[in-house]
Protein backbone atom coordinates (compact mmCIF):
# COMPACT_ATOMS: atom_id res chain seq x y z
CA MET A 1 -25.25 -36.82 -108.84
CA GLU A 2 -29.08 -35.57 -110.15
CA VAL A 3 -31.57 -35.87 -107.30
CA THR A 4 -34.99 -36.13 -108.73
CA THR A 5 -37.97 -35.00 -105.93
CA ALA A 6 -41.43 -34.94 -106.26
CA ASP A 7 -41.77 -31.42 -105.97
CA ALA A 8 -39.02 -29.20 -106.92
CA ALA A 9 -39.50 -27.06 -104.10
CA ASP A 10 -39.74 -30.15 -101.36
CA LEU A 11 -36.78 -32.28 -100.89
CA SER A 12 -38.27 -34.37 -98.07
CA PHE A 13 -38.74 -37.43 -100.69
CA VAL A 14 -36.12 -38.56 -103.10
CA ASP A 15 -36.64 -41.16 -105.86
CA LEU A 16 -32.35 -42.70 -106.69
CA SER A 17 -34.06 -45.64 -108.71
CA ARG A 18 -32.77 -46.89 -111.92
CA ARG A 19 -28.88 -45.46 -110.99
CA GLY A 20 -27.26 -48.45 -111.40
CA LEU A 21 -25.94 -48.09 -107.85
CA GLU A 22 -24.03 -50.77 -106.07
CA VAL A 23 -23.46 -48.82 -103.38
CA PHE A 24 -25.95 -46.35 -101.65
CA THR A 25 -23.06 -42.96 -100.12
CA GLY A 26 -25.59 -40.61 -100.13
CA ASP A 27 -24.13 -38.51 -102.10
CA GLY A 28 -26.41 -35.47 -103.86
CA ILE A 29 -28.52 -35.35 -101.40
CA HIS A 30 -26.24 -34.10 -98.46
CA ASP A 31 -25.78 -31.05 -100.66
CA ARG A 32 -29.56 -30.29 -100.84
CA ILE A 33 -30.81 -31.20 -97.49
CA ALA A 34 -29.19 -29.42 -94.74
CA ASN A 35 -30.90 -30.97 -92.16
CA LYS A 36 -30.71 -34.62 -92.93
CA ALA A 37 -33.58 -35.94 -90.50
CA ALA A 38 -35.78 -33.50 -93.16
CA LEU A 39 -35.70 -36.50 -95.40
CA LYS A 40 -38.76 -38.26 -95.17
CA GLY A 41 -38.80 -40.96 -98.16
CA LEU A 42 -36.34 -42.40 -100.50
CA ASN A 43 -36.67 -44.67 -103.32
CA ILE A 44 -33.55 -46.40 -103.88
CA SER A 45 -35.44 -49.57 -105.79
CA ARG A 46 -34.37 -50.95 -109.17
CA ASN A 47 -30.40 -50.69 -108.76
CA LEU A 48 -27.63 -53.04 -107.87
CA LEU A 49 -27.15 -52.88 -104.39
CA THR A 50 -26.45 -56.31 -102.25
CA THR A 51 -27.19 -54.72 -98.35
CA LEU A 52 -29.05 -52.52 -96.85
CA PRO A 53 -27.40 -49.32 -96.53
CA TYR A 54 -25.92 -48.61 -92.72
CA ASN A 55 -25.12 -45.31 -93.49
CA LEU A 56 -29.03 -44.66 -93.78
CA VAL A 57 -29.03 -44.05 -90.50
CA GLN A 58 -27.48 -40.81 -90.95
CA PHE A 59 -31.64 -39.68 -91.98
CA SER A 60 -32.99 -40.57 -89.12
CA GLY A 61 -36.37 -38.69 -90.17
CA LEU A 62 -36.95 -41.17 -92.80
CA VAL A 63 -40.51 -42.62 -92.16
CA GLU A 64 -40.73 -44.34 -96.23
CA ILE A 65 -37.44 -46.76 -97.67
CA ASP A 66 -38.16 -48.73 -101.12
CA ILE A 67 -35.00 -51.15 -101.78
CA SER A 68 -37.05 -53.30 -104.26
CA ASN A 69 -35.85 -55.32 -107.12
CA ASN A 70 -32.10 -54.82 -106.21
CA ASN A 71 -29.98 -58.00 -105.31
CA VAL A 72 -30.22 -57.36 -101.30
CA ALA A 73 -29.23 -60.25 -99.27
CA ILE A 74 -28.61 -58.11 -95.88
CA ILE A 75 -30.77 -56.02 -94.14
CA SER A 76 -28.00 -53.85 -91.62
CA GLU A 77 -28.62 -54.14 -87.85
CA GLU A 78 -28.88 -49.82 -88.33
CA ILE A 79 -32.31 -50.23 -89.56
CA ALA A 80 -33.43 -50.79 -85.82
CA GLN A 81 -32.02 -47.05 -84.95
CA LEU A 82 -34.87 -45.14 -87.82
CA ARG A 83 -37.29 -44.76 -85.27
CA ASN A 84 -39.68 -42.80 -87.42
CA LEU A 85 -39.60 -45.60 -90.42
CA LYS A 86 -43.61 -46.50 -90.84
CA THR A 87 -43.07 -48.26 -94.35
CA PHE A 88 -40.25 -50.37 -95.64
CA THR A 89 -40.55 -52.21 -99.08
CA ALA A 90 -38.11 -54.20 -99.90
CA LYS A 91 -39.56 -57.21 -102.58
CA ASN A 92 -38.07 -58.60 -105.26
CA ASN A 93 -34.62 -59.05 -103.29
CA VAL A 94 -33.29 -62.16 -102.52
CA ILE A 95 -33.82 -61.79 -98.47
CA HIS A 96 -34.50 -64.80 -96.47
CA GLN A 97 -34.49 -65.31 -92.78
CA ALA A 98 -31.11 -64.72 -91.96
CA SER A 99 -31.09 -62.06 -93.59
CA LEU A 100 -32.80 -59.98 -91.16
CA PRO A 101 -31.06 -58.58 -87.69
CA LYS A 102 -32.23 -59.95 -84.34
CA ASN A 103 -33.04 -56.56 -83.84
CA PHE A 104 -35.55 -56.03 -86.65
CA GLY A 105 -38.57 -56.27 -84.39
CA GLU A 106 -37.72 -53.48 -82.63
CA CYS A 107 -38.81 -51.01 -85.46
CA PRO A 108 -40.98 -49.39 -82.62
CA ALA A 109 -43.05 -47.00 -85.66
CA LEU A 110 -43.26 -49.93 -88.69
CA GLU A 111 -46.62 -49.97 -90.01
CA VAL A 112 -46.28 -51.46 -93.39
CA LEU A 113 -43.88 -54.02 -94.39
CA ASN A 114 -43.51 -55.43 -97.47
CA LEU A 115 -41.01 -58.81 -98.50
CA SER A 116 -42.84 -60.29 -101.35
CA GLY A 117 -41.09 -62.15 -104.09
CA ASN A 118 -37.82 -63.00 -101.57
CA SER A 119 -36.24 -66.02 -101.10
CA PHE A 120 -37.67 -67.14 -97.11
CA VAL A 121 -38.19 -70.53 -96.44
CA ASP A 122 -39.31 -70.11 -92.96
CA PHE A 123 -41.46 -67.10 -91.97
CA PRO A 124 -39.46 -64.97 -89.94
CA LEU A 125 -39.59 -64.64 -86.37
CA GLN A 126 -38.43 -61.23 -86.21
CA VAL A 127 -41.46 -59.88 -88.02
CA THR A 128 -43.81 -61.18 -85.35
CA GLU A 129 -42.10 -58.83 -82.99
CA LEU A 130 -43.71 -55.85 -84.79
CA THR A 131 -46.43 -55.35 -82.84
CA ASN A 132 -47.07 -51.99 -84.39
CA LEU A 133 -47.82 -53.24 -88.01
CA LYS A 134 -50.84 -52.68 -89.89
CA ALA A 135 -50.29 -54.49 -93.22
CA LEU A 136 -47.61 -57.10 -93.56
CA TYR A 137 -47.01 -58.60 -97.87
CA ILE A 138 -44.42 -61.92 -97.89
CA GLY A 139 -45.91 -63.53 -100.91
CA SER A 140 -44.21 -65.63 -103.46
CA ASN A 141 -41.81 -66.55 -101.44
CA PHE A 142 -41.48 -70.21 -100.43
CA ILE A 143 -42.74 -70.63 -96.80
CA THR A 144 -44.30 -73.99 -95.47
CA GLU A 145 -45.72 -73.08 -92.06
CA ILE A 146 -47.03 -69.64 -90.05
CA PRO A 147 -45.61 -69.81 -86.73
CA ARG A 148 -48.43 -69.97 -84.11
CA GLU A 149 -46.59 -66.18 -82.79
CA ILE A 150 -48.38 -64.92 -85.45
CA GLU A 151 -51.06 -63.78 -82.80
CA LEU A 152 -49.13 -61.36 -81.70
CA LEU A 153 -49.59 -59.22 -84.43
CA ARG A 154 -52.78 -57.84 -83.38
CA ARG A 155 -53.12 -54.80 -85.13
CA LEU A 156 -52.64 -56.24 -88.36
CA GLU A 157 -55.50 -55.09 -91.27
CA ILE A 158 -53.82 -56.78 -94.38
CA LEU A 159 -52.13 -60.20 -94.08
CA TYR A 160 -50.23 -61.53 -97.52
CA LEU A 161 -49.30 -64.88 -98.03
CA GLY A 162 -50.08 -65.87 -101.27
CA GLY A 163 -47.68 -67.55 -103.55
CA ASN A 164 -46.17 -69.31 -100.83
CA ARG A 165 -46.41 -73.53 -100.02
CA LEU A 166 -48.49 -73.70 -97.10
CA HIS A 167 -50.68 -76.88 -96.22
CA GLU A 168 -52.23 -75.76 -93.13
CA LEU A 169 -52.54 -72.44 -91.23
CA PRO A 170 -52.21 -72.24 -87.23
CA GLY A 171 -55.58 -71.64 -85.63
CA GLU A 172 -53.90 -68.73 -83.90
CA ILE A 173 -54.74 -66.48 -86.80
CA GLY A 174 -57.83 -66.16 -85.64
CA ALA A 175 -56.69 -63.60 -82.87
CA LEU A 176 -55.85 -61.24 -85.41
CA LYS A 177 -59.43 -59.87 -84.78
CA GLN A 178 -58.29 -56.22 -86.76
CA LEU A 179 -57.94 -58.42 -90.27
CA THR A 180 -59.92 -57.02 -93.17
CA THR A 181 -57.98 -58.86 -95.95
CA LEU A 182 -56.62 -62.30 -95.91
CA ALA A 183 -54.67 -63.42 -99.05
CA LEU A 184 -54.02 -67.09 -99.33
CA SER A 185 -53.84 -67.82 -102.97
CA ASP A 186 -51.69 -69.92 -104.84
CA ASN A 187 -50.60 -72.13 -102.06
CA LYS A 188 -51.29 -75.85 -101.24
CA LEU A 189 -53.97 -75.32 -98.24
CA GLU A 190 -56.09 -78.52 -98.00
CA ARG A 191 -57.63 -76.79 -95.10
CA LEU A 192 -59.06 -73.76 -93.13
CA PRO A 193 -58.45 -73.66 -89.26
CA SER A 194 -61.93 -73.37 -87.24
CA GLU A 195 -60.68 -70.40 -85.67
CA LEU A 196 -60.37 -68.39 -89.07
CA THR A 197 -64.21 -67.69 -88.47
CA ARG A 198 -63.43 -65.15 -85.26
CA LEU A 199 -62.04 -62.66 -87.75
CA THR A 200 -65.17 -60.61 -87.74
CA ASN A 201 -63.87 -57.59 -89.57
CA LEU A 202 -62.70 -59.80 -92.57
CA GLN A 203 -63.85 -58.02 -95.67
CA SER A 204 -61.66 -59.93 -98.08
CA LEU A 205 -60.57 -63.74 -98.33
CA SER A 206 -58.54 -64.63 -101.14
CA LEU A 207 -58.49 -68.89 -101.15
CA HIS A 208 -57.77 -69.39 -105.51
CA ASN A 209 -55.87 -72.19 -106.21
CA ASN A 210 -55.52 -74.45 -103.49
CA GLN A 211 -56.25 -77.36 -102.44
CA LEU A 212 -59.79 -77.14 -100.62
CA THR A 213 -62.56 -79.76 -100.61
CA THR A 214 -64.51 -77.96 -97.81
CA LEU A 215 -64.79 -74.68 -95.88
CA PRO A 216 -65.33 -74.02 -91.79
CA THR A 217 -69.41 -74.19 -91.90
CA GLN A 218 -69.20 -71.24 -89.30
CA ILE A 219 -68.06 -69.00 -92.57
CA ILE A 220 -71.35 -68.07 -93.09
CA THR A 221 -70.96 -65.75 -90.01
CA LEU A 222 -68.62 -63.44 -91.24
CA ASN A 223 -71.31 -60.75 -91.92
CA ASN A 224 -68.49 -58.16 -93.37
CA LEU A 225 -67.23 -60.56 -95.60
CA CYS A 226 -67.98 -59.35 -99.20
CA ALA A 227 -65.28 -60.85 -101.28
CA LEU A 228 -64.56 -64.67 -101.54
CA SER A 229 -62.03 -65.85 -104.45
CA LEU A 230 -62.17 -69.96 -104.45
CA ARG A 231 -61.60 -70.85 -108.04
CA GLY A 232 -58.88 -73.56 -108.51
CA ASN A 233 -60.69 -76.03 -105.85
CA PRO A 234 -61.10 -78.97 -106.06
CA LEU A 235 -64.34 -77.65 -103.77
CA VAL A 236 -65.06 -75.72 -106.61
CA VAL A 237 -64.17 -78.05 -109.50
CA ARG A 238 -66.56 -80.71 -108.34
CA PHE A 239 -69.33 -78.26 -107.54
CA VAL A 240 -68.84 -77.45 -111.50
CA ARG A 241 -68.82 -81.11 -112.65
CA ASP A 242 -71.28 -82.12 -110.39
CA PHE A 243 -73.68 -78.92 -111.92
CA ALA A 244 -74.35 -80.46 -115.29
CA TRP A 245 -76.88 -82.84 -115.12
CA GLN A 246 -76.31 -86.54 -115.88
CA PRO A 247 -79.38 -87.76 -117.65
CA PRO A 248 -81.40 -90.91 -116.11
CA THR A 249 -80.74 -94.34 -117.71
CA LEU A 250 -83.40 -96.45 -119.30
CA LEU A 251 -83.52 -98.71 -115.93
CA GLU A 252 -84.11 -95.38 -113.87
CA LEU A 253 -86.79 -94.02 -116.19
CA ALA A 254 -88.72 -97.91 -116.22
CA ALA A 255 -88.33 -97.64 -112.28
CA ARG A 256 -89.31 -93.99 -112.19
CA SER A 257 -92.51 -94.85 -114.29
CA VAL A 258 -93.50 -97.89 -112.11
CA LYS A 259 -93.04 -95.52 -109.07
CA SER A 260 -94.94 -92.50 -110.02
CA GLN A 261 -98.08 -94.40 -111.22
CA GLN A 262 -98.13 -96.74 -108.14
CA LEU A 263 -97.70 -99.73 -110.17
CA MET A 264 -98.18 -102.46 -107.35
CA TYR A 265 -95.01 -105.48 -107.96
CA SER A 266 -93.75 -107.70 -105.42
CA TYR A 267 -90.67 -110.33 -105.07
CA SER A 268 -92.81 -112.88 -107.02
CA ASP A 269 -93.19 -110.52 -110.47
CA LEU A 270 -89.50 -109.08 -110.27
CA PRO A 271 -86.10 -110.61 -109.85
CA VAL A 272 -85.24 -109.54 -106.03
CA ASN A 273 -82.31 -107.25 -107.28
CA LEU A 274 -84.65 -105.12 -108.96
CA CYS A 275 -87.52 -104.63 -106.08
CA HIS A 276 -84.68 -103.87 -103.81
CA TYR A 277 -83.71 -100.97 -106.31
CA LEU A 278 -87.29 -99.85 -106.84
CA ASN A 279 -87.72 -99.55 -102.81
CA GLN A 280 -85.01 -97.40 -103.13
CA ALA A 281 -87.10 -94.49 -104.76
CA LYS A 282 -86.52 -90.91 -103.36
CA LYS A 283 -88.72 -88.38 -103.48
CA CYS A 284 -88.18 -85.46 -105.28
CA VAL A 285 -87.78 -82.16 -102.70
CA ASN A 286 -89.73 -79.61 -105.00
CA PRO A 287 -93.29 -79.40 -103.52
CA ALA A 288 -94.19 -78.67 -107.03
CA CYS A 289 -93.08 -82.16 -108.27
CA LYS A 290 -94.71 -86.13 -107.38
CA GLY A 291 -91.50 -87.21 -109.14
CA VAL A 292 -88.86 -89.67 -107.45
CA TYR A 293 -85.16 -90.43 -108.62
CA PHE A 294 -82.52 -93.38 -107.58
CA ASN A 295 -78.86 -92.32 -108.82
CA SER A 296 -79.96 -89.88 -111.29
CA LYS A 297 -80.07 -86.43 -109.08
CA VAL A 298 -79.63 -82.57 -109.61
CA GLU A 299 -77.44 -81.28 -106.34
CA ASN A 300 -79.18 -77.80 -105.88
CA ILE A 301 -78.16 -75.20 -103.25
CA LYS A 302 -80.70 -73.40 -101.38
CA PHE A 303 -80.71 -70.95 -98.87
CA VAL A 304 -82.89 -70.31 -95.84
CA ASP A 305 -83.37 -68.27 -93.10
CA PHE A 306 -82.03 -69.07 -89.52
CA CYS A 307 -83.02 -67.30 -86.97
CA GLY A 308 -84.05 -64.06 -88.60
CA LYS A 309 -80.32 -63.61 -88.90
CA TYR A 310 -78.06 -65.38 -91.55
CA ARG A 311 -78.84 -67.04 -94.92
CA LEU A 312 -77.47 -70.32 -94.87
CA PRO A 313 -76.99 -72.60 -97.78
CA LEU A 314 -77.92 -76.02 -97.64
CA MET A 315 -77.46 -78.92 -99.87
CA GLN A 316 -81.16 -80.61 -101.54
CA TYR A 317 -81.42 -83.24 -104.12
CA LEU A 318 -83.85 -82.75 -107.06
CA CYS A 319 -84.72 -85.36 -109.81
CA SER A 320 -84.60 -83.02 -112.85
CA PRO A 321 -83.12 -79.51 -113.66
CA GLN A 322 -86.90 -78.58 -114.32
CA CYS A 323 -87.37 -78.68 -110.80
CA ARG A 324 -85.36 -75.83 -110.01
CA THR A 325 -87.47 -73.39 -111.70
CA SER A 326 -90.77 -75.21 -111.31
CA SER A 327 -91.85 -74.35 -107.78
CA PRO A 328 -95.69 -72.58 -108.42
CA SER A 329 -96.05 -72.09 -104.82
CA SER A 330 -93.13 -69.84 -104.36
CA SER A 331 -94.49 -66.17 -104.36
CA SER A 332 -92.21 -64.50 -107.02
CA SER A 333 -90.15 -62.29 -104.47
CA GLU A 334 -88.69 -66.18 -103.11
CA SER A 335 -87.65 -66.82 -106.28
CA GLU A 336 -85.99 -63.64 -106.95
CA SER A 337 -84.41 -63.93 -103.75
CA ASP A 338 -83.39 -67.71 -104.75
CA ASP A 339 -81.95 -66.29 -107.90
CA GLU A 340 -80.08 -63.80 -106.27
CA ASP A 341 -78.94 -66.38 -104.40
CA LYS A 342 -77.70 -68.53 -106.79
CA ASN A 343 -76.08 -65.78 -108.89
CA ARG A 344 -74.02 -64.83 -105.73
CA ILE A 345 -72.89 -68.58 -104.85
CA LYS A 346 -71.64 -69.45 -108.39
CA LYS A 347 -70.16 -65.84 -108.31
CA VAL A 348 -68.29 -66.81 -104.82
CA LEU A 349 -67.42 -70.04 -106.00
CA LEU A 350 -66.32 -69.73 -109.79
CA GLY A 351 -64.61 -66.59 -108.85
């Protein structure tokens, strides 16, 4: 069997992908490697394997294994004997929770685990025993619930859970203080736990295509967060829909004239319901505008400084779209800052 290597002079990595292999025997490797422990990387992806080969244990120096795009349904327990294994990639197979041996959590050096595109319905508890894990990819499965034991993965920096069937997250996820990337897109999440805001090192949070209608208010305290995707959520759909201003009715236009011209009226002059309506007038919050509104209002997000540390988004209501920009009392620097904030919030919401 011909063996392909990354470097003809270096057999530390062997590529046996796309060979139509149904069984891995190690043929073609033994003849070229005097010391079996010298093999560091093995790619046997895109074959016809149904089991992680038990005889891989003979290559005790393996650091990286890729068995992606096979038909693997069983991971042999011998994997725990590979004491140097750091990266195990097994995406796009038919692995489920029972496929993993009970001693899977005993792989002492494992740092990167990719189980995406498999058949998990339950989150494999064996994975929560891999306390040295830094990156876990388990997206595109059928997982409906994340166990509380997720908090045991204290060294985790990347957690990819996109493309599952999650409706909620346990608060224990807030214990993963080293997380920099959290992908939760394409699930069925309706809410996020407030403990999420304990992830102070989080830089990227993917939430698109869920059922979120709100976010924890404390999310503004995640100072390192620089990438947030929210598109495809009711929160954003509502924001975009409401962003389009509905013109005032003739009733509102007439009532606005009455209030802005300070015309006198009483219950003896007008029907009771019209007097009640006129009494419900609300002043536009734009200091440069003396107008009022009733039912037809413009929702506007305004960022304000809080204790000189955070920029908090607050919802305010204006009487017309023009009031977003017609504020001559504001300085040019404030105006530029507002424009920048508006662009940023649009980018965040629309992804």
